[in-house]
Amino acid sequence: AVHARHMLVLDGCVQPSMAPATNVS
């Protein structure tokens, strides 16, 4: 879904591979 309200998220450097569930959650 695409909502009217939107925010950015910092993916970071180690988190995408070491804990990818965090930002998806």
mmCIF file of all heavy atoms, coordinates in Angstrom:
data_MODEL
# 
_entry.id   MODEL 
# 
loop_
_atom_site.group_PDB 
_atom_site.id 
_atom_site.type_symbol 
_atom_site.label_atom_id 
_atom_site.label_alt_id 
_atom_site.label_comp_id 
_atom_site.label_asym_id 
_atom_site.label_entity_id 
_atom_site.label_seq_id 
_atom_site.pdbx_PDB_ins_code 
_atom_site.Cartn_x 
_atom_site.Cartn_y 
_atom_site.Cartn_z 
_atom_site.occupancy 
_atom_site.B_iso_or_equiv 
_atom_site.pdbx_formal_charge 
_atom_site.auth_seq_id 
_atom_site.auth_comp_id 
_atom_site.auth_asym_id 
_atom_site.auth_atom_id 
_atom_site.pdbx_PDB_model_num 
ATOM 1   N N   . ALA A 1 1  ? 0.831  -1.211  0.000  1.00 0.00 ? 1  ALA A N   1 
ATOM 2   C CA  . ALA A 1 1  ? 0.000  0.000   0.000  1.00 0.00 ? 1  ALA A CA  1 
ATOM 3   C C   . ALA A 1 1  ? 0.864  1.259   0.000  1.00 0.00 ? 1  ALA A C   1 
ATOM 4   O O   . ALA A 1 1  ? 1.976  1.275   0.545  1.00 0.00 ? 1  ALA A O   1 
ATOM 5   C CB  . ALA A 1 1  ? -0.914 0.004   1.217  1.00 0.00 ? 1  ALA A CB  1 
ATOM 6   N N   . VAL A 1 2  ? 0.351  2.298   -0.625 1.00 0.00 ? 2  VAL A N   1 
ATOM 7   C CA  . VAL A 1 2  ? 1.004  3.608   -0.626 1.00 0.00 ? 2  VAL A CA  1 
ATOM 8   C C   . VAL A 1 2  ? 0.064  4.595   0.055  1.00 0.00 ? 2  VAL A C   1 
ATOM 9   O O   . VAL A 1 2  ? -1.054 4.816   -0.401 1.00 0.00 ? 2  VAL A O   1 
ATOM 10  C CB  . VAL A 1 2  ? 1.323  4.082   -2.057 1.00 0.00 ? 2  VAL A CB  1 
ATOM 11  C CG1 . VAL A 1 2  ? 1.960  5.469   -2.017 1.00 0.00 ? 2  VAL A CG1 1 
ATOM 12  C CG2 . VAL A 1 2  ? 2.252  3.097   -2.750 1.00 0.00 ? 2  VAL A CG2 1 
ATOM 13  N N   . HIS A 1 3  ? 0.511  5.161   1.156  1.00 0.00 ? 3  HIS A N   1 
ATOM 14  C CA  . HIS A 1 3  ? -0.322 6.068   1.943  1.00 0.00 ? 3  HIS A CA  1 
ATOM 15  C C   . HIS A 1 3  ? 0.060  7.522   1.684  1.00 0.00 ? 3  HIS A C   1 
ATOM 16  O O   . HIS A 1 3  ? 1.146  7.820   1.175  1.00 0.00 ? 3  HIS A O   1 
ATOM 17  C CB  . HIS A 1 3  ? -0.161 5.756   3.433  1.00 0.00 ? 3  HIS A CB  1 
ATOM 18  C CG  . HIS A 1 3  ? -0.496 4.342   3.791  1.00 0.00 ? 3  HIS A CG  1 
ATOM 19  N ND1 . HIS A 1 3  ? -1.792 3.875   3.869  1.00 0.00 ? 3  HIS A ND1 1 
ATOM 20  C CD2 . HIS A 1 3  ? 0.312  3.277   4.091  1.00 0.00 ? 3  HIS A CD2 1 
ATOM 21  C CE1 . HIS A 1 3  ? -1.784 2.594   4.214  1.00 0.00 ? 3  HIS A CE1 1 
ATOM 22  N NE2 . HIS A 1 3  ? -0.519 2.209   4.350  1.00 0.00 ? 3  HIS A NE2 1 
ATOM 23  N N   . ALA A 1 4  ? -0.840 8.398   2.051  1.00 0.00 ? 4  ALA A N   1 
ATOM 24  C CA  . ALA A 1 4  ? -0.571 9.833   1.897  1.00 0.00 ? 4  ALA A CA  1 
ATOM 25  C C   . ALA A 1 4  ? 0.592  10.262  2.797  1.00 0.00 ? 4  ALA A C   1 
ATOM 26  O O   . ALA A 1 4  ? 1.417  11.095  2.413  1.00 0.00 ? 4  ALA A O   1 
ATOM 27  C CB  . ALA A 1 4  ? -1.820 10.638  2.226  1.00 0.00 ? 4  ALA A CB  1 
ATOM 28  N N   . ARG A 1 5  ? 0.657  9.681   3.976  1.00 0.00 ? 5  ARG A N   1 
ATOM 29  C CA  . ARG A 1 5  ? 1.760  9.988   4.889  1.00 0.00 ? 5  ARG A CA  1 
ATOM 30  C C   . ARG A 1 5  ? 2.961  9.110   4.534  1.00 0.00 ? 5  ARG A C   1 
ATOM 31  O O   . ARG A 1 5  ? 2.815  7.891   4.343  1.00 0.00 ? 5  ARG A O   1 
ATOM 32  C CB  . ARG A 1 5  ? 1.355  9.741   6.343  1.00 0.00 ? 5  ARG A CB  1 
ATOM 33  C CG  . ARG A 1 5  ? 0.209  10.590  6.836  1.00 0.00 ? 5  ARG A CG  1 
ATOM 34  C CD  . ARG A 1 5  ? -0.059 10.337  8.310  1.00 0.00 ? 5  ARG A CD  1 
ATOM 35  N NE  . ARG A 1 5  ? 1.070  10.771  9.144  1.00 0.00 ? 5  ARG A NE  1 
ATOM 36  C CZ  . ARG A 1 5  ? 1.146  10.585  10.466 1.00 0.00 ? 5  ARG A CZ  1 
ATOM 37  N NH1 . ARG A 1 5  ? 0.158  9.946   11.099 1.00 0.00 ? 5  ARG A NH1 1 
ATOM 38  N NH2 . ARG A 1 5  ? 2.181  11.024  11.147 1.00 0.00 ? 5  ARG A NH2 1 
ATOM 39  N N   . HIS A 1 6  ? 4.131  9.710   4.428  1.00 0.00 ? 6  HIS A N   1 
ATOM 40  C CA  . HIS A 1 6  ? 5.312  8.912   4.114  1.00 0.00 ? 6  HIS A CA  1 
ATOM 41  C C   . HIS A 1 6  ? 6.516  9.416   4.899  1.00 0.00 ? 6  HIS A C   1 
ATOM 42  O O   . HIS A 1 6  ? 6.633  10.596  5.213  1.00 0.00 ? 6  HIS A O   1 
ATOM 43  C CB  . HIS A 1 6  ? 5.604  8.900   2.616  1.00 0.00 ? 6  HIS A CB  1 
ATOM 44  C CG  . HIS A 1 6  ? 5.973  10.245  2.033  1.00 0.00 ? 6  HIS A CG  1 
ATOM 45  N ND1 . HIS A 1 6  ? 5.029  11.191  1.691  1.00 0.00 ? 6  HIS A ND1 1 
ATOM 46  C CD2 . HIS A 1 6  ? 7.180  10.791  1.751  1.00 0.00 ? 6  HIS A CD2 1 
ATOM 47  C CE1 . HIS A 1 6  ? 5.629  12.269  1.212  1.00 0.00 ? 6  HIS A CE1 1 
ATOM 48  N NE2 . HIS A 1 6  ? 6.930  12.055  1.231  1.00 0.00 ? 6  HIS A NE2 1 
ATOM 49  N N   . MET A 1 7  ? 7.395  8.481   5.212  1.00 0.00 ? 7  MET A N   1 
ATOM 50  C CA  . MET A 1 7  ? 8.621  8.767   5.947  1.00 0.00 ? 7  MET A CA  1 
ATOM 51  C C   . MET A 1 7  ? 9.761  7.995   5.307  1.00 0.00 ? 7  MET A C   1 
ATOM 52  O O   . MET A 1 7  ? 9.553  6.969   4.661  1.00 0.00 ? 7  MET A O   1 
ATOM 53  C CB  . MET A 1 7  ? 8.473  8.360   7.419  1.00 0.00 ? 7  MET A CB  1 
ATOM 54  C CG  . MET A 1 7  ? 7.370  9.090   8.162  1.00 0.00 ? 7  MET A CG  1 
ATOM 55  S SD  . MET A 1 7  ? 7.206  8.540   9.893  1.00 0.00 ? 7  MET A SD  1 
ATOM 56  C CE  . MET A 1 7  ? 5.817  9.560   10.424 1.00 0.00 ? 7  MET A CE  1 
ATOM 57  N N   . LEU A 1 8  ? 10.977 8.492   5.517  1.00 0.00 ? 8  LEU A N   1 
ATOM 58  C CA  . LEU A 1 8  ? 12.172 7.810   5.040  1.00 0.00 ? 8  LEU A CA  1 
ATOM 59  C C   . LEU A 1 8  ? 12.733 6.920   6.141  1.00 0.00 ? 8  LEU A C   1 
ATOM 60  O O   . LEU A 1 8  ? 12.492 7.159   7.325  1.00 0.00 ? 8  LEU A O   1 
ATOM 61  C CB  . LEU A 1 8  ? 13.242 8.837   4.648  1.00 0.00 ? 8  LEU A CB  1 
ATOM 62  C CG  . LEU A 1 8  ? 13.045 9.579   3.331  1.00 0.00 ? 8  LEU A CG  1 
ATOM 63  C CD1 . LEU A 1 8  ? 13.962 10.798  3.287  1.00 0.00 ? 8  LEU A CD1 1 
ATOM 64  C CD2 . LEU A 1 8  ? 13.333 8.665   2.147  1.00 0.00 ? 8  LEU A CD2 1 
ATOM 65  N N   . VAL A 1 9  ? 13.477 5.911   5.751  1.00 0.00 ? 9  VAL A N   1 
ATOM 66  C CA  . VAL A 1 9  ? 14.154 5.072   6.730  1.00 0.00 ? 9  VAL A CA  1 
ATOM 67  C C   . VAL A 1 9  ? 15.617 4.931   6.329  1.00 0.00 ? 9  VAL A C   1 
ATOM 68  O O   . VAL A 1 9  ? 15.945 4.833   5.140  1.00 0.00 ? 9  VAL A O   1 
ATOM 69  C CB  . VAL A 1 9  ? 13.504 3.670   6.846  1.00 0.00 ? 9  VAL A CB  1 
ATOM 70  C CG1 . VAL A 1 9  ? 13.629 2.883   5.541  1.00 0.00 ? 9  VAL A CG1 1 
ATOM 71  C CG2 . VAL A 1 9  ? 14.088 2.885   8.020  1.00 0.00 ? 9  VAL A CG2 1 
ATOM 72  N N   . LEU A 1 10 ? 16.489 4.976   7.305  1.00 0.00 ? 10 LEU A N   1 
ATOM 73  C CA  . LEU A 1 10 ? 17.905 4.724   7.063  1.00 0.00 ? 10 LEU A CA  1 
ATOM 74  C C   . LEU A 1 10 ? 18.127 3.218   7.064  1.00 0.00 ? 10 LEU A C   1 
ATOM 75  O O   . LEU A 1 10 ? 17.846 2.544   8.053  1.00 0.00 ? 10 LEU A O   1 
ATOM 76  C CB  . LEU A 1 10 ? 18.753 5.377   8.162  1.00 0.00 ? 10 LEU A CB  1 
ATOM 77  C CG  . LEU A 1 10 ? 20.251 5.070   8.112  1.00 0.00 ? 10 LEU A CG  1 
ATOM 78  C CD1 . LEU A 1 10 ? 20.908 5.799   6.942  1.00 0.00 ? 10 LEU A CD1 1 
ATOM 79  C CD2 . LEU A 1 10 ? 20.934 5.453   9.419  1.00 0.00 ? 10 LEU A CD2 1 
ATOM 80  N N   . ASP A 1 11 ? 18.629 2.690   5.953  1.00 0.00 ? 11 ASP A N   1 
ATOM 81  C CA  . ASP A 1 11 ? 18.891 1.253   5.875  1.00 0.00 ? 11 ASP A CA  1 
ATOM 82  C C   . ASP A 1 11 ? 20.105 0.858   6.711  1.00 0.00 ? 11 ASP A C   1 
ATOM 83  O O   . ASP A 1 11 ? 20.135 -0.219  7.304  1.00 0.00 ? 11 ASP A O   1 
ATOM 84  C CB  . ASP A 1 11 ? 19.110 0.831   4.416  1.00 0.00 ? 11 ASP A CB  1 
ATOM 85  C CG  . ASP A 1 11 ? 17.831 0.926   3.611  1.00 0.00 ? 11 ASP A CG  1 
ATOM 86  O OD1 . ASP A 1 11 ? 16.762 0.603   4.149  1.00 0.00 ? 11 ASP A OD1 1 
ATOM 87  O OD2 . ASP A 1 11 ? 17.900 1.342   2.441  1.00 0.00 ? 11 ASP A OD2 1 
ATOM 88  N N   . GLY A 1 12 ? 21.118 1.724   6.738  1.00 0.00 ? 12 GLY A N   1 
ATOM 89  C CA  . GLY A 1 12 ? 22.325 1.416   7.489  1.00 0.00 ? 12 GLY A CA  1 
ATOM 90  C C   . GLY A 1 12 ? 23.290 0.555   6.710  1.00 0.00 ? 12 GLY A C   1 
ATOM 91  O O   . GLY A 1 12 ? 23.067 0.237   5.539  1.00 0.00 ? 12 GLY A O   1 
ATOM 92  N N   . CYS A 1 13 ? 24.377 0.161   7.374  1.00 0.00 ? 13 CYS A N   1 
ATOM 93  C CA  . CYS A 1 13 ? 25.423 -0.585  6.673  1.00 0.00 ? 13 CYS A CA  1 
ATOM 94  C C   . CYS A 1 13 ? 25.420 -2.082  6.994  1.00 0.00 ? 13 CYS A C   1 
ATOM 95  O O   . CYS A 1 13 ? 25.437 -2.912  6.088  1.00 0.00 ? 13 CYS A O   1 
ATOM 96  C CB  . CYS A 1 13 ? 26.786 0.021   6.968  1.00 0.00 ? 13 CYS A CB  1 
ATOM 97  S SG  . CYS A 1 13 ? 27.072 0.468   8.688  1.00 0.00 ? 13 CYS A SG  1 
ATOM 98  N N   . VAL A 1 14 ? 25.369 -2.473  8.260  1.00 0.00 ? 14 VAL A N   1 
ATOM 99  C CA  . VAL A 1 14 ? 25.405 -3.904  8.597  1.00 0.00 ? 14 VAL A CA  1 
ATOM 100 C C   . VAL A 1 14 ? 24.007 -4.489  8.791  1.00 0.00 ? 14 VAL A C   1 
ATOM 101 O O   . VAL A 1 14 ? 23.807 -5.694  8.624  1.00 0.00 ? 14 VAL A O   1 
ATOM 102 C CB  . VAL A 1 14 ? 26.247 -4.161  9.873  1.00 0.00 ? 14 VAL A CB  1 
ATOM 103 C CG1 . VAL A 1 14 ? 27.656 -3.659  9.681  1.00 0.00 ? 14 VAL A CG1 1 
ATOM 104 C CG2 . VAL A 1 14 ? 25.616 -3.537  11.100 1.00 0.00 ? 14 VAL A CG2 1 
ATOM 105 N N   . GLN A 1 15 ? 23.041 -3.657  9.121  1.00 0.00 ? 15 GLN A N   1 
ATOM 106 C CA  . GLN A 1 15 ? 21.708 -4.177  9.437  1.00 0.00 ? 15 GLN A CA  1 
ATOM 107 C C   . GLN A 1 15 ? 21.023 -4.874  8.261  1.00 0.00 ? 15 GLN A C   1 
ATOM 108 O O   . GLN A 1 15 ? 20.352 -5.897  8.464  1.00 0.00 ? 15 GLN A O   1 
ATOM 109 C CB  . GLN A 1 15 ? 20.830 -3.045  9.983  1.00 0.00 ? 15 GLN A CB  1 
ATOM 110 C CG  . GLN A 1 15 ? 19.520 -3.534  10.584 1.00 0.00 ? 15 GLN A CG  1 
ATOM 111 C CD  . GLN A 1 15 ? 18.857 -2.457  11.448 1.00 0.00 ? 15 GLN A CD  1 
ATOM 112 O OE1 . GLN A 1 15 ? 19.300 -2.182  12.554 1.00 0.00 ? 15 GLN A OE1 1 
ATOM 113 N NE2 . GLN A 1 15 ? 17.810 -1.846  10.924 1.00 0.00 ? 15 GLN A NE2 1 
ATOM 114 N N   . PRO A 1 16 ? 21.148 -4.391  7.023  1.00 0.00 ? 16 PRO A N   1 
ATOM 115 C CA  . PRO A 1 16 ? 20.456 -5.070  5.918  1.00 0.00 ? 16 PRO A CA  1 
ATOM 116 C C   . PRO A 1 16 ? 20.818 -6.535  5.759  1.00 0.00 ? 16 PRO A C   1 
ATOM 117 O O   . PRO A 1 16 ? 19.977 -7.346  5.352  1.00 0.00 ? 16 PRO A O   1 
ATOM 118 C CB  . PRO A 1 16 ? 20.868 -4.252  4.689  1.00 0.00 ? 16 PRO A CB  1 
ATOM 119 C CG  . PRO A 1 16 ? 21.148 -2.894  5.222  1.00 0.00 ? 16 PRO A CG  1 
ATOM 120 C CD  . PRO A 1 16 ? 21.775 -3.135  6.573  1.00 0.00 ? 16 PRO A CD  1 
ATOM 121 N N   . SER A 1 17 ? 22.058 -6.906  6.071  1.00 0.00 ? 17 SER A N   1 
ATOM 122 C CA  . SER A 1 17 ? 22.454 -8.305  5.919  1.00 0.00 ? 17 SER A CA  1 
ATOM 123 C C   . SER A 1 17 ? 22.422 -9.071  7.229  1.00 0.00 ? 17 SER A C   1 
ATOM 124 O O   . SER A 1 17 ? 22.171 -10.279 7.234  1.00 0.00 ? 17 SER A O   1 
ATOM 125 C CB  . SER A 1 17 ? 23.863 -8.394  5.313  1.00 0.00 ? 17 SER A CB  1 
ATOM 126 O OG  . SER A 1 17 ? 24.791 -7.667  6.096  1.00 0.00 ? 17 SER A OG  1 
ATOM 127 N N   . MET A 1 18 ? 22.649 -8.394  8.347  1.00 0.00 ? 18 MET A N   1 
ATOM 128 C CA  . MET A 1 18 ? 22.714 -9.085  9.626  1.00 0.00 ? 18 MET A CA  1 
ATOM 129 C C   . MET A 1 18 ? 21.364 -9.186  10.337 1.00 0.00 ? 18 MET A C   1 
ATOM 130 O O   . MET A 1 18 ? 21.131 -10.123 11.096 1.00 0.00 ? 18 MET A O   1 
ATOM 131 C CB  . MET A 1 18 ? 23.727 -8.398  10.541 1.00 0.00 ? 18 MET A CB  1 
ATOM 132 C CG  . MET A 1 18 ? 25.151 -8.503  10.036 1.00 0.00 ? 18 MET A CG  1 
ATOM 133 S SD  . MET A 1 18 ? 26.343 -7.880  11.245 1.00 0.00 ? 18 MET A SD  1 
ATOM 134 C CE  . MET A 1 18 ? 27.898 -8.200  10.403 1.00 0.00 ? 18 MET A CE  1 
ATOM 135 N N   . ALA A 1 19 ? 20.498 -8.223  10.103 1.00 0.00 ? 19 ALA A N   1 
ATOM 136 C CA  . ALA A 1 19 ? 19.162 -8.247  10.723 1.00 0.00 ? 19 ALA A CA  1 
ATOM 137 C C   . ALA A 1 19 ? 18.148 -7.621  9.777  1.00 0.00 ? 19 ALA A C   1 
ATOM 138 O O   . ALA A 1 19 ? 17.537 -6.587  10.086 1.00 0.00 ? 19 ALA A O   1 
ATOM 139 C CB  . ALA A 1 19 ? 19.176 -7.513  12.063 1.00 0.00 ? 19 ALA A CB  1 
ATOM 140 N N   . PRO A 1 20 ? 17.927 -8.238  8.597  1.00 0.00 ? 20 PRO A N   1 
ATOM 141 C CA  . PRO A 1 20 ? 17.050 -7.628  7.586  1.00 0.00 ? 20 PRO A CA  1 
ATOM 142 C C   . PRO A 1 20 ? 15.596 -7.519  8.010  1.00 0.00 ? 20 PRO A C   1 
ATOM 143 O O   . PRO A 1 20 ? 14.835 -6.750  7.423  1.00 0.00 ? 20 PRO A O   1 
ATOM 144 C CB  . PRO A 1 20 ? 17.208 -8.564  6.380  1.00 0.00 ? 20 PRO A CB  1 
ATOM 145 C CG  . PRO A 1 20 ? 17.620 -9.883  6.970  1.00 0.00 ? 20 PRO A CG  1 
ATOM 146 C CD  . PRO A 1 20 ? 18.479 -9.533  8.142  1.00 0.00 ? 20 PRO A CD  1 
ATOM 147 N N   . ALA A 1 21 ? 15.197 -8.283  9.026  1.00 0.00 ? 21 ALA A N   1 
ATOM 148 C CA  . ALA A 1 21 ? 13.791 -8.254  9.443  1.00 0.00 ? 21 ALA A CA  1 
ATOM 149 C C   . ALA A 1 21 ? 13.408 -6.950  10.128 1.00 0.00 ? 21 ALA A C   1 
ATOM 150 O O   . ALA A 1 21 ? 12.229 -6.581  10.153 1.00 0.00 ? 21 ALA A O   1 
ATOM 151 C CB  . ALA A 1 21 ? 13.496 -9.429  10.380 1.00 0.00 ? 21 ALA A CB  1 
ATOM 152 N N   . THR A 1 22 ? 14.385 -6.237  10.672 1.00 0.00 ? 22 THR A N   1 
ATOM 153 C CA  . THR A 1 22 ? 14.061 -5.069  11.491 1.00 0.00 ? 22 THR A CA  1 
ATOM 154 C C   . THR A 1 22 ? 13.342 -3.987  10.709 1.00 0.00 ? 22 THR A C   1 
ATOM 155 O O   . THR A 1 22 ? 12.251 -3.541  11.088 1.00 0.00 ? 22 THR A O   1 
ATOM 156 C CB  . THR A 1 22 ? 15.345 -4.500  12.136 1.00 0.00 ? 22 THR A CB  1 
ATOM 157 O OG1 . THR A 1 22 ? 15.952 -5.514  12.946 1.00 0.00 ? 22 THR A OG1 1 
ATOM 158 C CG2 . THR A 1 22 ? 15.016 -3.301  13.003 1.00 0.00 ? 22 THR A CG2 1 
ATOM 159 N N   . ASN A 1 23 ? 13.943 -3.528  9.609  1.00 0.00 ? 23 ASN A N   1 
ATOM 160 C CA  . ASN A 1 23 ? 13.310 -2.445  8.855  1.00 0.00 ? 23 ASN A CA  1 
ATOM 161 C C   . ASN A 1 23 ? 12.036 -2.899  8.148  1.00 0.00 ? 23 ASN A C   1 
ATOM 162 O O   . ASN A 1 23 ? 11.108 -2.113  7.961  1.00 0.00 ? 23 ASN A O   1 
ATOM 163 C CB  . ASN A 1 23 ? 14.292 -1.850  7.856  1.00 0.00 ? 23 ASN A CB  1 
ATOM 164 C CG  . ASN A 1 23 ? 15.211 -0.816  8.493  1.00 0.00 ? 23 ASN A CG  1 
ATOM 165 O OD1 . ASN A 1 23 ? 15.082 -0.496  9.678  1.00 0.00 ? 23 ASN A OD1 1 
ATOM 166 N ND2 . ASN A 1 23 ? 16.142 -0.291  7.728  1.00 0.00 ? 23 ASN A ND2 1 
ATOM 167 N N   . VAL A 1 24 ? 11.987 -4.168  7.755  1.00 0.00 ? 24 VAL A N   1 
ATOM 168 C CA  . VAL A 1 24 ? 10.759 -4.684  7.149  1.00 0.00 ? 24 VAL A CA  1 
ATOM 169 C C   . VAL A 1 24 ? 9.638  -4.701  8.184  1.00 0.00 ? 24 VAL A C   1 
ATOM 170 O O   . VAL A 1 24 ? 8.497  -4.340  7.889  1.00 0.00 ? 24 VAL A O   1 
ATOM 171 C CB  . VAL A 1 24 ? 10.991 -6.090  6.558  1.00 0.00 ? 24 VAL A CB  1 
ATOM 172 C CG1 . VAL A 1 24 ? 9.679  -6.675  6.030  1.00 0.00 ? 24 VAL A CG1 1 
ATOM 173 C CG2 . VAL A 1 24 ? 12.030 -6.035  5.445  1.00 0.00 ? 24 VAL A CG2 1 
ATOM 174 N N   . SER A 1 25 ? 9.965  -5.087  9.405  1.00 0.00 ? 25 SER A N   1 
ATOM 175 C CA  . SER A 1 25 ? 8.968  -5.061  10.482 1.00 0.00 ? 25 SER A CA  1 
ATOM 176 C C   . SER A 1 25 ? 8.499  -3.637  10.742 1.00 0.00 ? 25 SER A C   1 
ATOM 177 O O   . SER A 1 25 ? 7.296  -3.386  10.920 1.00 0.00 ? 25 SER A O   1 
ATOM 178 C CB  . SER A 1 25 ? 9.553  -5.650  11.765 1.00 0.00 ? 25 SER A CB  1 
ATOM 179 O OG  . SER A 1 25 ? 9.708  -7.042  11.663 1.00 0.00 ? 25 SER A OG  1 
# 
